[in-house]
C-alpha atoms as a PDB file:
ATOM      1  CA  MET A   1     -71.316   3.650 -40.600  1.00  0.00           C
ATOM      2  CA  THR A   2     -73.089   6.081 -38.215  1.00  0.00           C
ATOM      3  CA  LYS A   3     -69.663   7.654 -37.228  1.00  0.00           C
ATOM      4  CA  LYS A   4     -68.869   8.237 -40.897  1.00  0.00           C
ATOM      5  CA  TYR A   5     -72.294   9.924 -41.557  1.00  0.00           C
ATOM      6  CA  PHE A   6     -71.957  11.960 -38.554  1.00  0.00           C
ATOM      7  CA  ASN A   7     -68.552  13.177 -39.427  1.00  0.00           C
ATOM      8  CA  ILE A   8     -70.013  14.267 -42.745  1.00  0.00           C
ATOM      9  CA  ILE A   9     -72.867  16.237 -41.231  1.00  0.00           C
ATOM     10  CA  ARG A  10     -70.458  17.718 -38.432  1.00  0.00           C
ATOM     11  CA  ASN A  11     -67.979  18.856 -41.026  1.00  0.00           C
ATOM     12  CA  ASN A  12     -70.737  20.545 -43.129  1.00  0.00           C
ATOM     13  CA  TYR A  13     -70.393  24.367 -42.810  1.00  0.00           C
ATOM     14  CA  VAL A  14     -73.959  25.204 -43.191  1.00  0.00           C
ATOM     15  CA  ILE A  15     -75.154  22.414 -40.559  1.00  0.00           C
ATOM     16  CA  SER A  16     -72.498  23.134 -38.266  1.00  0.00           C
ATOM     17  CA  LYS A  17     -73.196  27.093 -38.217  1.00  0.00           C
ATOM     18  CA  LEU A  18     -76.904  26.009 -37.899  1.00  0.00           C
ATOM     19  CA  LEU A  19     -76.059  23.962 -34.779  1.00  0.00           C
ATOM     20  CA  ARG A  20     -73.731  26.196 -33.078  1.00  0.00           C
ATOM     21  CA  THR A  21     -76.207  29.129 -33.303  1.00  0.00           C
ATOM     22  CA  VAL A  22     -79.125  26.915 -31.794  1.00  0.00           C
ATOM     23  CA  LEU A  23     -77.110  24.998 -29.404  1.00  0.00           C
ATOM     24  CA  LYS A  24     -74.668  27.673 -27.982  1.00  0.00           C
ATOM     25  CA  PRO A  25     -77.485  29.496 -25.725  1.00  0.00           C
ATOM     26  CA  MET A  26     -78.508  26.227 -24.412  1.00  0.00           C
ATOM     27  CA  GLN A  27     -75.023  25.253 -23.341  1.00  0.00           C
ATOM     28  CA  ARG A  28     -74.782  28.803 -21.680  1.00  0.00           C
ATOM     29  CA  LEU A  29     -78.106  28.042 -19.868  1.00  0.00           C
ATOM     30  CA  CYS A  30     -76.711  24.635 -18.696  1.00  0.00           C
ATOM     31  CA  ASN A  31     -73.630  25.909 -17.300  1.00  0.00           C
ATOM     32  CA  ILE A  32     -75.682  28.508 -15.268  1.00  0.00           C
ATOM     33  CA  LEU A  33     -77.809  26.059 -13.902  1.00  0.00           C
ATOM     34  CA  ASP A  34     -75.050  23.872 -13.190  1.00  0.00           C
ATOM     35  CA  ARG A  35     -73.236  26.797 -11.350  1.00  0.00           C
ATOM     36  CA  GLN A  36     -76.720  27.488  -9.412  1.00  0.00           C
ATOM     37  CA  ILE A  37     -77.258  23.797  -8.441  1.00  0.00           C
ATOM     38  CA  LYS A  38     -73.880  23.547  -6.919  1.00  0.00           C
ATOM     39  CA  MET A  39     -74.066  26.747  -5.049  1.00  0.00           C
ATOM     40  CA  LYS A  40     -77.603  26.090  -3.805  1.00  0.00           C
ATOM     41  CA  VAL A  41     -77.904  22.551  -3.338  1.00  0.00           C
ATOM     42  CA  TRP A  42     -75.632  21.201  -0.283  1.00  0.00           C
ATOM     43  CA  ALA A  43     -74.696  17.858   0.627  1.00  0.00           C
ATOM     44  CA  ASN A  44     -75.120  17.148   4.182  1.00  0.00           C
ATOM     45  CA  GLY A  45     -74.400  13.858   5.810  1.00  0.00           C
ATOM     46  CA  GLU A  46     -73.062  12.381   2.752  1.00  0.00           C
ATOM     47  CA  ALA A  47     -70.435   9.817   1.732  1.00  0.00           C
ATOM     48  CA  VAL A  48     -68.032  11.479  -0.771  1.00  0.00           C
ATOM     49  CA  ASN A  49     -65.242  10.194  -3.042  1.00  0.00           C
ATOM     50  CA  TYR A  50     -62.031  12.322  -2.691  1.00  0.00           C
ATOM     51  CA  ASP A  51     -59.101  11.148  -4.649  1.00  0.00           C
ATOM     52  CA  GLY A  52     -60.245   7.546  -4.378  1.00  0.00           C
ATOM     53  CA  LEU A  53     -60.900   7.605  -1.038  1.00  0.00           C
ATOM     54  CA  SER A  54     -64.394   7.219   0.671  1.00  0.00           C
ATOM     55  CA  ILE A  55     -64.935   9.951   3.357  1.00  0.00           C
ATOM     56  CA  GLN A  56     -68.093   9.831   5.347  1.00  0.00           C
ATOM     57  CA  PHE A  57     -69.452  13.531   6.579  1.00  0.00           C
ATOM     58  CA  PRO A  58     -71.859  13.188   9.528  1.00  0.00           C
ATOM     59  CA  LYS A  59     -74.972  15.040   9.585  1.00  0.00           C
ATOM     60  CA  ASN A  60     -74.336  18.991  10.027  1.00  0.00           C
ATOM     61  CA  ILE A  61     -70.510  18.355   9.980  1.00  0.00           C
ATOM     62  CA  GLY A  62     -68.395  19.886   7.369  1.00  0.00           C
ATOM     63  CA  VAL A  63     -71.200  20.766   5.040  1.00  0.00           C
ATOM     64  CA  GLY A  64     -69.138  23.149   3.017  1.00  0.00           C
ATOM     65  CA  PHE A  65     -66.525  20.644   2.501  1.00  0.00           C
ATOM     66  CA  CYS A  66     -68.871  17.710   1.770  1.00  0.00           C
ATOM     67  CA  SER A  67     -70.930  19.791  -0.791  1.00  0.00           C
ATOM     68  CA  ASN A  68     -67.807  21.024  -2.540  1.00  0.00           C
ATOM     69  CA  ILE A  69     -66.482  17.341  -2.889  1.00  0.00           C
ATOM     70  CA  TYR A  70     -69.737  16.118  -3.535  1.00  0.00           C
ATOM     71  CA  TRP A  71     -70.146  18.252  -6.670  1.00  0.00           C
ATOM     72  CA  ASN A  72     -66.551  18.825  -7.884  1.00  0.00           C
ATOM     73  CA  GLY A  73     -64.583  15.776  -6.750  1.00  0.00           C
ATOM     74  CA  VAL A  74     -61.111  16.248  -5.558  1.00  0.00           C
ATOM     75  CA  ASP A  75     -61.110  19.694  -7.359  1.00  0.00           C
ATOM     76  CA  GLY A  76     -63.869  20.778  -4.465  1.00  0.00           C
ATOM     77  CA  PHE A  77     -61.468  21.137  -2.026  1.00  0.00           C
ATOM     78  CA  GLU A  78     -57.618  22.033  -2.110  1.00  0.00           C
ATOM     79  CA  HIS A  79     -56.670  19.560  -4.479  1.00  0.00           C
ATOM     80  CA  ARG A  80     -53.211  21.099  -4.978  1.00  0.00           C
ATOM     81  CA  THR A  81     -52.680  21.002  -1.303  1.00  0.00           C
ATOM     82  CA  TRP A  82     -53.844  17.612  -0.984  1.00  0.00           C
ATOM     83  CA  ARG A  83     -51.520  16.293  -3.600  1.00  0.00           C
ATOM     84  CA  ILE A  84     -48.530  17.550  -1.872  1.00  0.00           C
ATOM     85  CA  ILE A  85     -49.622  16.302   1.622  1.00  0.00           C
ATOM     86  CA  ARG A  86     -50.416  13.012   0.232  1.00  0.00           C
ATOM     87  CA  HIS A  87     -47.104  12.591  -1.365  1.00  0.00           C
ATOM     88  CA  PHE A  88     -45.315  13.253   2.201  1.00  0.00           C
ATOM     89  CA  ILE A  89     -47.873  11.084   3.984  1.00  0.00           C
ATOM     90  CA  GLU A  90     -46.823   8.116   1.689  1.00  0.00           C
ATOM     91  CA  CYS A  91     -43.289   8.524   2.829  1.00  0.00           C
ATOM     92  CA  ALA A  92     -43.883   9.410   6.685  1.00  0.00           C
ATOM     93  CA  ASP A  93     -44.555   7.275   9.767  1.00  0.00           C
ATOM     94  CA  TYR A  94     -45.966  10.538  11.830  1.00  0.00           C
ATOM     95  CA  PHE A  95     -48.556  13.015  10.717  1.00  0.00           C
ATOM     96  CA  ILE A  96     -49.135  16.134  12.653  1.00  0.00           C
ATOM     97  CA  ASP A  97     -52.452  18.164  12.117  1.00  0.00           C
ATOM     98  CA  ILE A  98     -52.427  21.434  14.053  1.00  0.00           C
ATOM     99  CA  GLY A  99     -55.469  23.736  13.854  1.00  0.00           C
ATOM    100  CA  SER A 100     -57.088  20.370  12.252  1.00  0.00           C
ATOM    101  CA  ASN A 101     -60.792  21.930  12.029  1.00  0.00           C
ATOM    102  CA  ILE A 102     -62.864  18.897  11.618  1.00  0.00           C
ATOM    103  CA  GLY A 103     -59.847  16.583  10.870  1.00  0.00           C
ATOM    104  CA  PHE A 104     -60.235  16.249   7.221  1.00  0.00           C
ATOM    105  CA  TYR A 105     -56.570  15.955   6.637  1.00  0.00           C
ATOM    106  CA  SER A 106     -56.219  13.646   9.394  1.00  0.00           C
ATOM    107  CA  VAL A 107     -58.769  11.268   8.377  1.00  0.00           C
ATOM    108  CA  LEU A 108     -57.394  11.401   4.750  1.00  0.00           C
ATOM    109  CA  ALA A 109     -53.887  10.518   6.308  1.00  0.00           C
ATOM    110  CA  MET A 110     -55.146   7.466   8.037  1.00  0.00           C
ATOM    111  CA  LYS A 111     -56.941   6.304   5.019  1.00  0.00           C
ATOM    112  CA  VAL A 112     -54.070   6.659   2.791  1.00  0.00           C
ATOM    113  CA  LYS A 113     -51.653   5.057   5.367  1.00  0.00           C
ATOM    114  CA  PRO A 114     -53.535   3.219   8.206  1.00  0.00           C
ATOM    115  CA  ALA A 115     -50.390   2.441   9.973  1.00  0.00           C
ATOM    116  CA  ILE A 116     -49.399   6.140  10.368  1.00  0.00           C
ATOM    117  CA  LYS A 117     -49.085   7.782  13.550  1.00  0.00           C
ATOM    118  CA  LEU A 118     -51.193  10.561  14.023  1.00  0.00           C
ATOM    119  CA  SER A 119     -51.264  13.833  16.255  1.00  0.00           C
ATOM    120  CA  SER A 120     -54.392  15.990  15.683  1.00  0.00           C
ATOM    121  CA  PHE A 121     -55.134  19.136  17.390  1.00  0.00           C
ATOM    122  CA  GLU A 122     -57.976  21.421  17.339  1.00  0.00           C
ATOM    123  CA  PRO A 123     -57.969  24.225  20.072  1.00  0.00           C
ATOM    124  CA  ILE A 124     -61.599  25.508  19.574  1.00  0.00           C
ATOM    125  CA  PRO A 125     -63.840  23.024  21.854  1.00  0.00           C
ATOM    126  CA  SER A 126     -67.185  23.245  19.590  1.00  0.00           C
ATOM    127  CA  ILE A 127     -65.072  22.271  16.539  1.00  0.00           C
ATOM    128  CA  TYR A 128     -62.911  19.711  18.279  1.00  0.00           C
ATOM    129  CA  GLU A 129     -66.355  17.943  19.088  1.00  0.00           C
ATOM    130  CA  LYS A 130     -67.138  18.112  15.366  1.00  0.00           C
ATOM    131  CA  ASN A 131     -63.445  16.472  14.717  1.00  0.00           C
ATOM    132  CA  VAL A 132     -64.276  13.665  17.349  1.00  0.00           C
ATOM    133  CA  PHE A 133     -67.541  12.912  15.356  1.00  0.00           C
ATOM    134  CA  PHE A 134     -66.043  13.157  11.937  1.00  0.00           C
ATOM    135  CA  HIS A 135     -63.097  10.822  13.061  1.00  0.00           C
ATOM    136  CA  ARG A 136     -65.553   8.225  14.207  1.00  0.00           C
ATOM    137  CA  ALA A 137     -67.914   8.433  11.101  1.00  0.00           C
ATOM    138  CA  ASN A 138     -64.731   7.508   9.250  1.00  0.00           C
ATOM    139  CA  GLY A 139     -63.722   4.612  11.533  1.00  0.00           C
ATOM    140  CA  PHE A 140     -61.136   6.113  13.587  1.00  0.00           C
ATOM    141  CA  SER A 141     -61.139   7.207  17.322  1.00  0.00           C
ATOM    142  CA  PHE A 142     -58.737   9.127  19.422  1.00  0.00           C
END
């Protein structure tokens, strides 16, 4: 019954025009606020969901990755790349992650296919340390 009346009101030209005129500026403002919040409020030391996989970011490690995924889900970080990599991980026995940074794809690979053999290489010592912490936070060790 309510749906019927709502559709009658919604399809009324005058009411629709009035609502659009009033609500469009509010919608624009909400979009601006949404973008500002996502840019300025960072997620640090959070557990996030990426393509159905729970990923734990330790404090001060991968803050940019974590924030983008926290606010935008799988679309927050290389979703097209991940879809291709995930397809191959599901068919593979071995995963090599060269220049792995914090080891994001390595951790995802092990979460998708726990039995996969993994080689993860990060040549920069300070980033390698973060890689180790990231792996440990997600239940994996070297």
